[in-house]
């Protein structure tokens, strides 16, 4: 996103096929990745209230407004309806066994865990900064609802454009870099729109990455009494090293495989389909069986200030349904 922002600011919108060639380069992607890491270091070093909240409350509403505008335009393009059908109409021909179904469920599970930052400590860390009078139940419903709405808007922004411009819908993470530049190129003032869009998406990405870095920084700071800056810089160095391997695996290290996967694909598999679901499973065990239920209910109701009408249902899901489903889907994937 930094690269596309820089290109747009210099007056050239990258072509739809540029992402594939750029991602295989050895040096420039790593340079931009290091710049991105430094941005995270600066913001997280400021702390939550001064850094994260300040960026999020200003930028994310602007991104939503821009996404809505692009979505409306994209839906008017030729063949856009095919993209809408691709999103919402299921293709059951891809399910030929229980293993296929399990794989789809695990992918969906990984997406949910990643999108909502579950099983990785982010919401727990942020939650520890909340005021004791905040309504957790209401906040949870709001977060999940807004996340789902944004996901649908994003899909309706990208997929109709994919089919309108004759691109491949299975291009993965590169889709936004393939489709939207093509949209911007057809708009009056497209270079300016492209620059603003990638700037806003960059900030959206930063709000996600700083939330992940904040977890590690808070842990190091509180557990080992390290200074805020040291707690931020140490993990960032490791993150940059891992990110370098991920970047190079798209190019000169593409033939280096772990379990038949490149470094990038292996990191995605490890995080989305292994670590986060297992993290969610053990969180269910912790909150459902180990943590005293009176303390849990007190936290959920802010010491009884708010009613939590679904307490019984919540306990059943937490203790039985959620952990069992996570394990069944997880084991089905490993044995398929």
C-alpha atoms as a PDB file:
ATOM      1  CA  UNK A   1       0.000   0.000   0.000  1.00  0.00           C
ATOM      2  CA  UNK A   2       2.915   2.323   0.654  1.00  0.00           C
ATOM      3  CA  UNK A   3       4.262   1.536  -2.800  1.00  0.00           C
ATOM      4  CA  UNK A   4       0.918   2.166  -4.497  1.00  0.00           C
ATOM      5  CA  UNK A   5       0.469   5.355  -2.502  1.00  0.00           C
ATOM      6  CA  UNK A   6       3.900   6.575  -3.594  1.00  0.00           C
ATOM      7  CA  UNK A   7       3.174   5.667  -7.229  1.00  0.00           C
ATOM      8  CA  UNK A   8      -0.161   7.489  -7.160  1.00  0.00           C
ATOM      9  CA  UNK A   9       1.422  10.589  -5.611  1.00  0.00           C
ATOM     10  CA  UNK A  10       4.057  10.676  -8.348  1.00  0.00           C
ATOM     11  CA  UNK A  11       1.343  10.648 -10.984  1.00  0.00           C
ATOM     12  CA  UNK A  12       1.173   7.041 -12.193  1.00  0.00           C
ATOM     13  CA  UNK A  13      -1.500   4.503 -11.289  1.00  0.00           C
ATOM     14  CA  UNK A  14       0.010   0.972 -11.424  1.00  0.00           C
ATOM     15  CA  UNK A  15      -1.520  -1.343 -14.020  1.00  0.00           C
ATOM     16  CA  UNK A  16      -3.676  -4.312 -12.871  1.00  0.00           C
ATOM     17  CA  UNK A  17      -0.824  -6.764 -13.520  1.00  0.00           C
ATOM     18  CA  UNK A  18       1.841  -4.746 -11.713  1.00  0.00           C
ATOM     19  CA  UNK A  19       1.254  -6.372  -8.317  1.00  0.00           C
ATOM     20  CA  UNK A  20       2.445  -9.802  -9.506  1.00  0.00           C
ATOM     21  CA  UNK A  21       5.743  -8.474 -10.840  1.00  0.00           C
ATOM     22  CA  UNK A  22       6.331  -6.091  -7.923  1.00  0.00           C
ATOM     23  CA  UNK A  23       5.773  -8.763  -5.260  1.00  0.00           C
ATOM     24  CA  UNK A  24       8.577 -10.873  -6.743  1.00  0.00           C
ATOM     25  CA  UNK A  25      11.178  -8.104  -6.396  1.00  0.00           C
ATOM     26  CA  UNK A  26      13.862  -8.609  -3.747  1.00  0.00           C
ATOM     27  CA  UNK A  27      14.686  -5.157  -2.391  1.00  0.00           C
ATOM     28  CA  UNK A  28      11.933  -2.553  -2.734  1.00  0.00           C
ATOM     29  CA  UNK A  29       9.115  -4.523  -1.020  1.00  0.00           C
ATOM     30  CA  UNK A  30      11.384  -5.083   1.990  1.00  0.00           C
ATOM     31  CA  UNK A  31      12.254  -1.377   2.154  1.00  0.00           C
ATOM     32  CA  UNK A  32       8.564  -0.431   2.221  1.00  0.00           C
ATOM     33  CA  UNK A  33       7.918  -3.175   4.803  1.00  0.00           C
ATOM     34  CA  UNK A  34      10.595  -1.676   7.078  1.00  0.00           C
ATOM     35  CA  UNK A  35       9.021   1.768   6.641  1.00  0.00           C
ATOM     36  CA  UNK A  36       5.677   0.253   7.636  1.00  0.00           C
ATOM     37  CA  UNK A  37       7.273  -1.319  10.724  1.00  0.00           C
ATOM     38  CA  UNK A  38       8.748   2.044  11.721  1.00  0.00           C
ATOM     39  CA  UNK A  39       5.316   3.666  11.424  1.00  0.00           C
ATOM     40  CA  UNK A  40       4.010   1.048  13.853  1.00  0.00           C
ATOM     41  CA  UNK A  41       6.906   1.658  16.247  1.00  0.00           C
ATOM     42  CA  UNK A  42       6.176   5.376  16.386  1.00  0.00           C
ATOM     43  CA  UNK A  43       2.419   4.999  16.948  1.00  0.00           C
ATOM     44  CA  UNK A  44       2.599   2.198  19.534  1.00  0.00           C
ATOM     45  CA  UNK A  45       5.388   4.025  21.372  1.00  0.00           C
ATOM     46  CA  UNK A  46       2.949   6.903  21.892  1.00  0.00           C
ATOM     47  CA  UNK A  47       0.555   4.557  23.685  1.00  0.00           C
ATOM     48  CA  UNK A  48      -3.060   3.602  23.084  1.00  0.00           C
ATOM     49  CA  UNK A  49      -4.920   6.839  23.797  1.00  0.00           C
ATOM     50  CA  UNK A  50      -2.422   9.155  22.097  1.00  0.00           C
ATOM     51  CA  UNK A  51      -1.597   6.949  19.121  1.00  0.00           C
ATOM     52  CA  UNK A  52      -4.105   4.236  18.244  1.00  0.00           C
ATOM     53  CA  UNK A  53      -7.357   6.011  19.130  1.00  0.00           C
ATOM     54  CA  UNK A  54      -6.291   9.265  17.496  1.00  0.00           C
ATOM     55  CA  UNK A  55      -5.564   7.562  14.173  1.00  0.00           C
ATOM     56  CA  UNK A  56      -8.605   5.260  14.204  1.00  0.00           C
ATOM     57  CA  UNK A  57     -11.319   7.765  15.062  1.00  0.00           C
ATOM     58  CA  UNK A  58     -10.354  10.127  12.245  1.00  0.00           C
ATOM     59  CA  UNK A  59      -9.249   7.883   9.404  1.00  0.00           C
ATOM     60  CA  UNK A  60     -11.565   4.859   9.476  1.00  0.00           C
ATOM     61  CA  UNK A  61     -14.825   6.797   8.989  1.00  0.00           C
ATOM     62  CA  UNK A  62     -13.215   8.542   5.993  1.00  0.00           C
ATOM     63  CA  UNK A  63     -12.236   5.161   4.534  1.00  0.00           C
ATOM     64  CA  UNK A  64     -15.789   3.866   4.971  1.00  0.00           C
ATOM     65  CA  UNK A  65     -17.235   6.859   3.120  1.00  0.00           C
ATOM     66  CA  UNK A  66     -14.770   6.400   0.281  1.00  0.00           C
ATOM     67  CA  UNK A  67     -15.438   2.659   0.096  1.00  0.00           C
ATOM     68  CA  UNK A  68     -19.165   3.307  -0.193  1.00  0.00           C
ATOM     69  CA  UNK A  69     -18.589   5.754  -3.034  1.00  0.00           C
ATOM     70  CA  UNK A  70     -16.334   3.334  -4.942  1.00  0.00           C
ATOM     71  CA  UNK A  71     -18.780   0.476  -4.330  1.00  0.00           C
ATOM     72  CA  UNK A  72     -21.673   2.436  -5.839  1.00  0.00           C
ATOM     73  CA  UNK A  73     -19.598   3.248  -8.917  1.00  0.00           C
ATOM     74  CA  UNK A  74     -18.282  -0.319  -9.336  1.00  0.00           C
ATOM     75  CA  UNK A  75     -21.800  -1.785  -9.177  1.00  0.00           C
ATOM     76  CA  UNK A  76     -22.693   0.275 -12.269  1.00  0.00           C
ATOM     77  CA  UNK A  77     -19.905  -1.286 -14.369  1.00  0.00           C
ATOM     78  CA  UNK A  78     -20.675  -3.894 -17.085  1.00  0.00           C
ATOM     79  CA  UNK A  79     -20.892  -7.500 -15.774  1.00  0.00           C
ATOM     80  CA  UNK A  80     -20.746  -6.274 -12.168  1.00  0.00           C
ATOM     81  CA  UNK A  81     -23.713  -8.509 -11.314  1.00  0.00           C
ATOM     82  CA  UNK A  82     -21.535 -11.569 -11.977  1.00  0.00           C
ATOM     83  CA  UNK A  83     -19.261 -10.464  -9.173  1.00  0.00           C
ATOM     84  CA  UNK A  84     -22.228 -10.072  -6.837  1.00  0.00           C
ATOM     85  CA  UNK A  85     -23.311 -13.618  -7.698  1.00  0.00           C
ATOM     86  CA  UNK A  86     -19.787 -14.888  -7.100  1.00  0.00           C
ATOM     87  CA  UNK A  87     -19.907 -13.478  -3.563  1.00  0.00           C
ATOM     88  CA  UNK A  88     -23.354 -14.621  -2.464  1.00  0.00           C
ATOM     89  CA  UNK A  89     -24.208 -17.743  -4.513  1.00  0.00           C
ATOM     90  CA  UNK A  90     -22.545 -20.915  -3.109  1.00  0.00           C
ATOM     91  CA  UNK A  91     -20.840 -23.400  -5.438  1.00  0.00           C
ATOM     92  CA  UNK A  92     -21.570 -26.829  -3.946  1.00  0.00           C
ATOM     93  CA  UNK A  93     -19.620 -28.621  -6.683  1.00  0.00           C
ATOM     94  CA  UNK A  94     -16.428 -27.814  -4.749  1.00  0.00           C
ATOM     95  CA  UNK A  95     -17.577 -29.957  -1.807  1.00  0.00           C
ATOM     96  CA  UNK A  96     -16.958 -33.627  -2.582  1.00  0.00           C
ATOM     97  CA  UNK A  97     -16.098 -34.960   0.878  1.00  0.00           C
ATOM     98  CA  UNK A  98     -16.253 -34.195   4.587  1.00  0.00           C
ATOM     99  CA  UNK A  99     -12.624 -33.089   4.320  1.00  0.00           C
ATOM    100  CA  UNK A 100     -13.559 -30.475   1.701  1.00  0.00           C
ATOM    101  CA  UNK A 101     -16.322 -29.162   3.950  1.00  0.00           C
ATOM    102  CA  UNK A 102     -13.956 -29.103   6.944  1.00  0.00           C
ATOM    103  CA  UNK A 103     -11.375 -27.181   4.935  1.00  0.00           C
ATOM    104  CA  UNK A 104     -13.960 -24.538   4.019  1.00  0.00           C
ATOM    105  CA  UNK A 105     -15.075 -24.281   7.668  1.00  0.00           C
ATOM    106  CA  UNK A 106     -11.496 -23.918   8.919  1.00  0.00           C
ATOM    107  CA  UNK A 107     -10.807 -21.226   6.306  1.00  0.00           C
ATOM    108  CA  UNK A 108     -13.965 -19.394   7.405  1.00  0.00           C
ATOM    109  CA  UNK A 109     -12.982 -19.894  11.038  1.00  0.00           C
ATOM    110  CA  UNK A 110      -9.510 -18.520  10.370  1.00  0.00           C
ATOM    111  CA  UNK A 111     -10.976 -15.517   8.569  1.00  0.00           C
ATOM    112  CA  UNK A 112     -13.324 -14.771  11.470  1.00  0.00           C
ATOM    113  CA  UNK A 113     -10.544 -15.169  14.029  1.00  0.00           C
ATOM    114  CA  UNK A 114      -8.243 -12.917  11.995  1.00  0.00           C
ATOM    115  CA  UNK A 115     -10.868 -10.293  11.139  1.00  0.00           C
ATOM    116  CA  UNK A 116     -12.087  -9.980  14.734  1.00  0.00           C
ATOM    117  CA  UNK A 117      -8.593 -10.447  16.237  1.00  0.00           C
ATOM    118  CA  UNK A 118      -9.708 -13.484  18.233  1.00  0.00           C
ATOM    119  CA  UNK A 119      -7.340 -16.003  19.783  1.00  0.00           C
ATOM    120  CA  UNK A 120      -4.347 -13.658  19.666  1.00  0.00           C
ATOM    121  CA  UNK A 121      -4.823 -11.519  22.766  1.00  0.00           C
ATOM    122  CA  UNK A 122      -5.678  -8.257  20.978  1.00  0.00           C
ATOM    123  CA  UNK A 123      -9.156  -7.747  22.410  1.00  0.00           C
ATOM    124  CA  UNK A 124      -7.999  -8.893  25.837  1.00  0.00           C
ATOM    125  CA  UNK A 125      -5.217  -6.313  25.816  1.00  0.00           C
ATOM    126  CA  UNK A 126      -7.498  -3.551  24.536  1.00  0.00           C
ATOM    127  CA  UNK A 127     -10.171  -4.651  26.988  1.00  0.00           C
ATOM    128  CA  UNK A 128      -7.787  -4.126  29.885  1.00  0.00           C
ATOM    129  CA  UNK A 129      -7.667  -0.427  28.961  1.00  0.00           C
ATOM    130  CA  UNK A 130     -11.448   0.015  29.034  1.00  0.00           C
ATOM    131  CA  UNK A 131     -13.259   1.896  31.734  1.00  0.00           C
ATOM    132  CA  UNK A 132     -15.037  -0.373  34.221  1.00  0.00           C
ATOM    133  CA  UNK A 133     -18.344   1.257  33.268  1.00  0.00           C
ATOM    134  CA  UNK A 134     -18.140   0.359  29.560  1.00  0.00           C
ATOM    135  CA  UNK A 135     -20.869  -1.955  28.262  1.00  0.00           C
ATOM    136  CA  UNK A 136     -18.989  -5.004  26.940  1.00  0.00           C
ATOM    137  CA  UNK A 137     -22.089  -6.707  25.567  1.00  0.00           C
ATOM    138  CA  UNK A 138     -23.108  -3.691  23.515  1.00  0.00           C
ATOM    139  CA  UNK A 139     -19.521  -3.139  22.342  1.00  0.00           C
ATOM    140  CA  UNK A 140     -19.250  -6.762  21.209  1.00  0.00           C
ATOM    141  CA  UNK A 141     -22.430  -6.596  19.124  1.00  0.00           C
ATOM    142  CA  UNK A 142     -21.302  -3.293  17.599  1.00  0.00           C
ATOM    143  CA  UNK A 143     -17.832  -4.595  16.712  1.00  0.00           C
ATOM    144  CA  UNK A 144     -19.107  -7.789  15.068  1.00  0.00           C
ATOM    145  CA  UNK A 145     -21.875  -5.973  13.176  1.00  0.00           C
ATOM    146  CA  UNK A 146     -19.596  -3.236  11.831  1.00  0.00           C
ATOM    147  CA  UNK A 147     -16.892  -5.765  10.910  1.00  0.00           C
ATOM    148  CA  UNK A 148     -19.424  -7.813   8.905  1.00  0.00           C
ATOM    149  CA  UNK A 149     -20.840  -4.732   7.178  1.00  0.00           C
ATOM    150  CA  UNK A 150     -17.361  -3.517   6.191  1.00  0.00           C
ATOM    151  CA  UNK A 151     -16.516  -7.003   4.865  1.00  0.00           C
ATOM    152  CA  UNK A 152     -19.608  -7.002   2.648  1.00  0.00           C
ATOM    153  CA  UNK A 153     -18.928  -3.466   1.403  1.00  0.00           C
ATOM    154  CA  UNK A 154     -15.314  -4.383   0.628  1.00  0.00           C
ATOM    155  CA  UNK A 155     -16.424  -7.493  -1.267  1.00  0.00           C
ATOM    156  CA  UNK A 156     -18.943  -5.489  -3.269  1.00  0.00           C
ATOM    157  CA  UNK A 157     -16.181  -3.003  -4.050  1.00  0.00           C
ATOM    158  CA  UNK A 158     -13.670  -5.538  -5.358  1.00  0.00           C
ATOM    159  CA  UNK A 159     -15.462  -8.572  -6.816  1.00  0.00           C
ATOM    160  CA  UNK A 160     -17.804  -6.798  -9.274  1.00  0.00           C
ATOM    161  CA  UNK A 161     -14.747  -4.940 -10.604  1.00  0.00           C
ATOM    162  CA  UNK A 162     -12.923  -8.267 -11.001  1.00  0.00           C
ATOM    163  CA  UNK A 163     -15.582  -9.592 -13.346  1.00  0.00           C
ATOM    164  CA  UNK A 164     -16.084  -6.275 -15.088  1.00  0.00           C
ATOM    165  CA  UNK A 165     -12.391  -6.030 -16.045  1.00  0.00           C
ATOM    166  CA  UNK A 166     -12.009  -9.751 -16.821  1.00  0.00           C
ATOM    167  CA  UNK A 167      -9.574 -10.485 -13.975  1.00  0.00           C
ATOM    168  CA  UNK A 168      -9.192 -13.739 -12.032  1.00  0.00           C
ATOM    169  CA  UNK A 169     -11.314 -13.936  -8.843  1.00  0.00           C
ATOM    170  CA  UNK A 170      -8.851 -16.310  -7.147  1.00  0.00           C
ATOM    171  CA  UNK A 171      -5.911 -13.888  -7.147  1.00  0.00           C
ATOM    172  CA  UNK A 172      -6.013 -13.738  -3.344  1.00  0.00           C
ATOM    173  CA  UNK A 173      -4.453 -10.828  -1.485  1.00  0.00           C
ATOM    174  CA  UNK A 174      -3.468  -9.103  -4.725  1.00  0.00           C
ATOM    175  CA  UNK A 175      -7.064  -8.528  -5.834  1.00  0.00           C
ATOM    176  CA  UNK A 176      -7.391  -5.061  -4.320  1.00  0.00           C
ATOM    177  CA  UNK A 177      -4.149  -4.049  -6.073  1.00  0.00           C
ATOM    178  CA  UNK A 178      -5.323  -5.471  -9.394  1.00  0.00           C
ATOM    179  CA  UNK A 179      -8.920  -4.318  -9.553  1.00  0.00           C
ATOM    180  CA  UNK A 180      -9.091  -0.904  -7.924  1.00  0.00           C
ATOM    181  CA  UNK A 181      -6.229   0.657  -9.935  1.00  0.00           C
ATOM    182  CA  UNK A 182      -8.188  -0.337 -13.035  1.00  0.00           C
ATOM    183  CA  UNK A 183     -11.245   1.401 -11.557  1.00  0.00           C
ATOM    184  CA  UNK A 184      -9.266   4.541 -10.677  1.00  0.00           C
ATOM    185  CA  UNK A 185      -7.732   4.686 -14.174  1.00  0.00           C
ATOM    186  CA  UNK A 186     -11.256   5.066 -15.603  1.00  0.00           C
ATOM    187  CA  UNK A 187     -12.253   7.862 -13.250  1.00  0.00           C
ATOM    188  CA  UNK A 188     -11.770  11.575 -13.737  1.00  0.00           C
ATOM    189  CA  UNK A 189      -9.157  12.625 -11.220  1.00  0.00           C
ATOM    190  CA  UNK A 190      -8.279   8.951 -10.749  1.00  0.00           C
ATOM    191  CA  UNK A 191      -4.712   9.663  -9.623  1.00  0.00           C
ATOM    192  CA  UNK A 192      -5.905  11.804  -6.747  1.00  0.00           C
ATOM    193  CA  UNK A 193      -8.608   9.305  -5.797  1.00  0.00           C
ATOM    194  CA  UNK A 194      -6.059   6.487  -5.946  1.00  0.00           C
ATOM    195  CA  UNK A 195      -3.636   8.351  -3.676  1.00  0.00           C
ATOM    196  CA  UNK A 196      -6.333   9.177  -1.115  1.00  0.00           C
ATOM    197  CA  UNK A 197      -7.709   5.635  -1.185  1.00  0.00           C
ATOM    198  CA  UNK A 198      -4.372   3.908  -0.603  1.00  0.00           C
ATOM    199  CA  UNK A 199      -3.524   6.437   2.094  1.00  0.00           C
ATOM    200  CA  UNK A 200      -6.746   5.586   3.940  1.00  0.00           C
ATOM    201  CA  UNK A 201      -6.295   1.827   3.428  1.00  0.00           C
ATOM    202  CA  UNK A 202      -2.743   2.204   4.700  1.00  0.00           C
ATOM    203  CA  UNK A 203      -4.070   3.740   7.902  1.00  0.00           C
ATOM    204  CA  UNK A 204      -6.639   0.943   8.168  1.00  0.00           C
ATOM    205  CA  UNK A 205      -3.824  -1.596   7.875  1.00  0.00           C
ATOM    206  CA  UNK A 206      -1.840   0.277  10.499  1.00  0.00           C
ATOM    207  CA  UNK A 207      -4.737   0.151  12.962  1.00  0.00           C
ATOM    208  CA  UNK A 208      -4.695  -3.635  12.610  1.00  0.00           C
ATOM    209  CA  UNK A 209      -0.940  -4.056  12.854  1.00  0.00           C
ATOM    210  CA  UNK A 210      -0.542  -1.719  15.832  1.00  0.00           C
ATOM    211  CA  UNK A 211      -3.189  -3.701  17.692  1.00  0.00           C
ATOM    212  CA  UNK A 212      -1.076  -6.829  17.223  1.00  0.00           C
ATOM    213  CA  UNK A 213       2.136  -5.070  18.221  1.00  0.00           C
ATOM    214  CA  UNK A 214       0.414  -3.562  21.267  1.00  0.00           C
ATOM    215  CA  UNK A 215      -0.267  -7.057  22.653  1.00  0.00           C
ATOM    216  CA  UNK A 216       3.423  -7.974  22.589  1.00  0.00           C
ATOM    217  CA  UNK A 217       4.555  -4.568  23.831  1.00  0.00           C
ATOM    218  CA  UNK A 218       2.114  -4.622  26.753  1.00  0.00           C
ATOM    219  CA  UNK A 219       3.251  -8.131  27.707  1.00  0.00           C
ATOM    220  CA  UNK A 220       6.959  -7.296  27.605  1.00  0.00           C
ATOM    221  CA  UNK A 221       6.440  -4.041  29.452  1.00  0.00           C
ATOM    222  CA  UNK A 222       4.300  -5.466  32.249  1.00  0.00           C
ATOM    223  CA  UNK A 223       5.949  -8.873  32.658  1.00  0.00           C
ATOM    224  CA  UNK A 224       9.612  -7.880  32.344  1.00  0.00           C
ATOM    225  CA  UNK A 225       9.378  -4.199  33.373  1.00  0.00           C
ATOM    226  CA  UNK A 226      10.914  -3.030  30.096  1.00  0.00           C
ATOM    227  CA  UNK A 227      10.505   0.537  28.929  1.00  0.00           C
ATOM    228  CA  UNK A 228       7.744   1.244  26.416  1.00  0.00           C
ATOM    229  CA  UNK A 229      10.184   1.927  23.580  1.00  0.00           C
ATOM    230  CA  UNK A 230      12.252  -1.215  24.193  1.00  0.00           C
ATOM    231  CA  UNK A 231       9.062  -3.302  24.436  1.00  0.00           C
ATOM    232  CA  UNK A 232       8.060  -1.997  21.013  1.00  0.00           C
ATOM    233  CA  UNK A 233      11.411  -2.130  19.206  1.00  0.00           C
ATOM    234  CA  UNK A 234      12.455  -5.677  20.201  1.00  0.00           C
ATOM    235  CA  UNK A 235       9.444  -7.497  18.704  1.00  0.00           C
ATOM    236  CA  UNK A 236       9.473  -5.184  15.668  1.00  0.00           C
ATOM    237  CA  UNK A 237      12.980  -6.375  14.787  1.00  0.00           C
ATOM    238  CA  UNK A 238      11.745  -9.981  14.869  1.00  0.00           C
ATOM    239  CA  UNK A 239       8.621  -9.056  12.893  1.00  0.00           C
ATOM    240  CA  UNK A 240      10.777  -7.379  10.225  1.00  0.00           C
ATOM    241  CA  UNK A 241      12.930 -10.517   9.965  1.00  0.00           C
ATOM    242  CA  UNK A 242       9.875 -12.754   9.517  1.00  0.00           C
ATOM    243  CA  UNK A 243       8.388 -10.242   7.071  1.00  0.00           C
ATOM    244  CA  UNK A 244      11.580 -10.327   5.025  1.00  0.00           C
ATOM    245  CA  UNK A 245      11.298 -14.106   4.652  1.00  0.00           C
ATOM    246  CA  UNK A 246       7.645 -13.747   3.671  1.00  0.00           C
ATOM    247  CA  UNK A 247       8.497 -11.117   1.059  1.00  0.00           C
ATOM    248  CA  UNK A 248      11.435 -13.018  -0.437  1.00  0.00           C
ATOM    249  CA  UNK A 249       9.338 -16.199  -0.640  1.00  0.00           C
ATOM    250  CA  UNK A 250       7.353 -14.504  -3.416  1.00  0.00           C
ATOM    251  CA  UNK A 251      10.560 -14.169  -5.437  1.00  0.00           C
ATOM    252  CA  UNK A 252      14.078 -15.501  -4.935  1.00  0.00           C
ATOM    253  CA  UNK A 253      13.067 -17.845  -2.085  1.00  0.00           C
ATOM    254  CA  UNK A 254       9.961 -19.192  -3.825  1.00  0.00           C
ATOM    255  CA  UNK A 255      11.566 -22.640  -4.177  1.00  0.00           C
ATOM    256  CA  UNK A 256      12.265 -22.916  -0.426  1.00  0.00           C
ATOM    257  CA  UNK A 257       9.343 -24.870   1.053  1.00  0.00           C
ATOM    258  CA  UNK A 258       8.127 -25.852   4.521  1.00  0.00           C
ATOM    259  CA  UNK A 259       5.575 -28.676   4.408  1.00  0.00           C
ATOM    260  CA  UNK A 260       5.228 -27.933   0.700  1.00  0.00           C
ATOM    261  CA  UNK A 261       4.493 -24.242   1.337  1.00  0.00           C
ATOM    262  CA  UNK A 262       6.499 -21.070   0.832  1.00  0.00           C
ATOM    263  CA  UNK A 263       7.405 -19.022   3.901  1.00  0.00           C
ATOM    264  CA  UNK A 264       4.484 -16.664   3.227  1.00  0.00           C
ATOM    265  CA  UNK A 265       1.933 -19.465   2.784  1.00  0.00           C
ATOM    266  CA  UNK A 266       3.323 -21.325   5.802  1.00  0.00           C
ATOM    267  CA  UNK A 267       2.988 -18.244   8.030  1.00  0.00           C
ATOM    268  CA  UNK A 268      -0.596 -17.751   6.835  1.00  0.00           C
ATOM    269  CA  UNK A 269      -1.426 -21.419   7.467  1.00  0.00           C
ATOM    270  CA  UNK A 270       0.227 -21.386  10.885  1.00  0.00           C
ATOM    271  CA  UNK A 271      -1.561 -18.239  12.061  1.00  0.00           C
ATOM    272  CA  UNK A 272      -5.003 -18.508  10.436  1.00  0.00           C
ATOM    273  CA  UNK A 273      -5.593 -22.250  10.632  1.00  0.00           C
ATOM    274  CA  UNK A 274      -3.534 -23.414  13.608  1.00  0.00           C
ATOM    275  CA  UNK A 275      -2.487 -20.851  16.204  1.00  0.00           C
ATOM    276  CA  UNK A 276      -5.571 -18.611  16.279  1.00  0.00           C
ATOM    277  CA  UNK A 277      -8.184 -21.431  16.364  1.00  0.00           C
ATOM    278  CA  UNK A 278      -6.208 -23.188  19.111  1.00  0.00           C
ATOM    279  CA  UNK A 279      -5.861 -19.878  20.935  1.00  0.00           C
ATOM    280  CA  UNK A 280      -9.632 -19.455  20.725  1.00  0.00           C
ATOM    281  CA  UNK A 281     -10.148 -23.021  21.981  1.00  0.00           C
ATOM    282  CA  UNK A 282      -8.003 -22.507  25.060  1.00  0.00           C
ATOM    283  CA  UNK A 283      -9.644 -19.141  25.727  1.00  0.00           C
ATOM    284  CA  UNK A 284     -12.977 -20.986  25.822  1.00  0.00           C
ATOM    285  CA  UNK A 285     -11.501 -23.454  28.318  1.00  0.00           C
ATOM    286  CA  UNK A 286     -10.049 -20.656  30.433  1.00  0.00           C
ATOM    287  CA  UNK A 287     -13.220 -18.549  30.517  1.00  0.00           C
ATOM    288  CA  UNK A 288     -15.662 -21.482  30.583  1.00  0.00           C
ATOM    289  CA  UNK A 289     -14.036 -23.828  33.104  1.00  0.00           C
ATOM    290  CA  UNK A 290     -11.086 -22.227  34.917  1.00  0.00           C
ATOM    291  CA  UNK A 291     -12.154 -18.631  35.485  1.00  0.00           C
ATOM    292  CA  UNK A 292     -14.747 -18.259  38.246  1.00  0.00           C
ATOM    293  CA  UNK A 293     -18.134 -17.745  36.579  1.00  0.00           C
ATOM    294  CA  UNK A 294     -19.108 -15.049  39.091  1.00  0.00           C
ATOM    295  CA  UNK A 295     -16.044 -13.024  38.110  1.00  0.00           C
ATOM    296  CA  UNK A 296     -16.790 -13.590  34.432  1.00  0.00           C
ATOM    297  CA  UNK A 297     -20.363 -12.388  34.816  1.00  0.00           C
ATOM    298  CA  UNK A 298     -19.184  -9.397  36.836  1.00  0.00           C
ATOM    299  CA  UNK A 299     -16.849  -8.386  34.006  1.00  0.00           C
ATOM    300  CA  UNK A 300     -19.532  -8.854  31.350  1.00  0.00           C
ATOM    301  CA  UNK A 301     -22.069  -6.752  33.266  1.00  0.00           C
ATOM    302  CA  UNK A 302     -19.632  -4.102  34.546  1.00  0.00           C
ATOM    303  CA  UNK A 303     -20.276  -5.129  38.165  1.00  0.00           C
ATOM    304  CA  UNK A 304     -23.994  -5.546  37.533  1.00  0.00           C
ATOM    305  CA  UNK A 305     -24.523  -2.152  35.916  1.00  0.00           C
ATOM    306  CA  UNK A 306     -25.746  -3.701  32.632  1.00  0.00           C
ATOM    307  CA  UNK A 307     -28.006  -6.688  32.098  1.00  0.00           C
ATOM    308  CA  UNK A 308     -26.641  -9.645  30.125  1.00  0.00           C
ATOM    309  CA  UNK A 309     -29.798 -11.469  29.105  1.00  0.00           C
ATOM    310  CA  UNK A 310     -27.971 -14.157  27.122  1.00  0.00           C
ATOM    311  CA  UNK A 311     -25.827 -15.283  30.067  1.00  0.00           C
ATOM    312  CA  UNK A 312     -27.155 -18.868  30.009  1.00  0.00           C
ATOM    313  CA  UNK A 313     -26.782 -19.195  26.247  1.00  0.00           C
ATOM    314  CA  UNK A 314     -23.350 -17.597  26.397  1.00  0.00           C
ATOM    315  CA  UNK A 315     -22.162 -20.122  29.000  1.00  0.00           C
ATOM    316  CA  UNK A 316     -23.391 -23.095  26.941  1.00  0.00           C
ATOM    317  CA  UNK A 317     -21.666 -21.792  23.803  1.00  0.00           C
ATOM    318  CA  UNK A 318     -18.479 -20.962  25.706  1.00  0.00           C
ATOM    319  CA  UNK A 319     -18.240 -24.309  27.527  1.00  0.00           C
ATOM    320  CA  UNK A 320     -19.564 -26.775  24.967  1.00  0.00           C
ATOM    321  CA  UNK A 321     -20.501 -25.593  21.479  1.00  0.00           C
ATOM    322  CA  UNK A 322     -17.567 -23.313  20.571  1.00  0.00           C
ATOM    323  CA  UNK A 323     -14.670 -25.506  21.808  1.00  0.00           C
ATOM    324  CA  UNK A 324     -16.191 -28.692  20.373  1.00  0.00           C
ATOM    325  CA  UNK A 325     -16.808 -27.140  16.954  1.00  0.00           C
ATOM    326  CA  UNK A 326     -13.314 -25.650  16.855  1.00  0.00           C
ATOM    327  CA  UNK A 327     -11.731 -29.016  17.669  1.00  0.00           C
ATOM    328  CA  UNK A 328     -13.933 -31.026  15.277  1.00  0.00           C
ATOM    329  CA  UNK A 329     -13.223 -28.708  12.360  1.00  0.00           C
ATOM    330  CA  UNK A 330      -9.532 -28.479  13.243  1.00  0.00           C
ATOM    331  CA  UNK A 331      -9.052 -32.256  13.515  1.00  0.00           C
ATOM    332  CA  UNK A 332     -11.079 -32.873  10.334  1.00  0.00           C
ATOM    333  CA  UNK A 333      -8.726 -30.595   8.425  1.00  0.00           C
ATOM    334  CA  UNK A 334      -5.588 -32.300   9.779  1.00  0.00           C
ATOM    335  CA  UNK A 335      -6.901 -35.792   8.948  1.00  0.00           C
ATOM    336  CA  UNK A 336      -8.302 -34.964   5.508  1.00  0.00           C
END
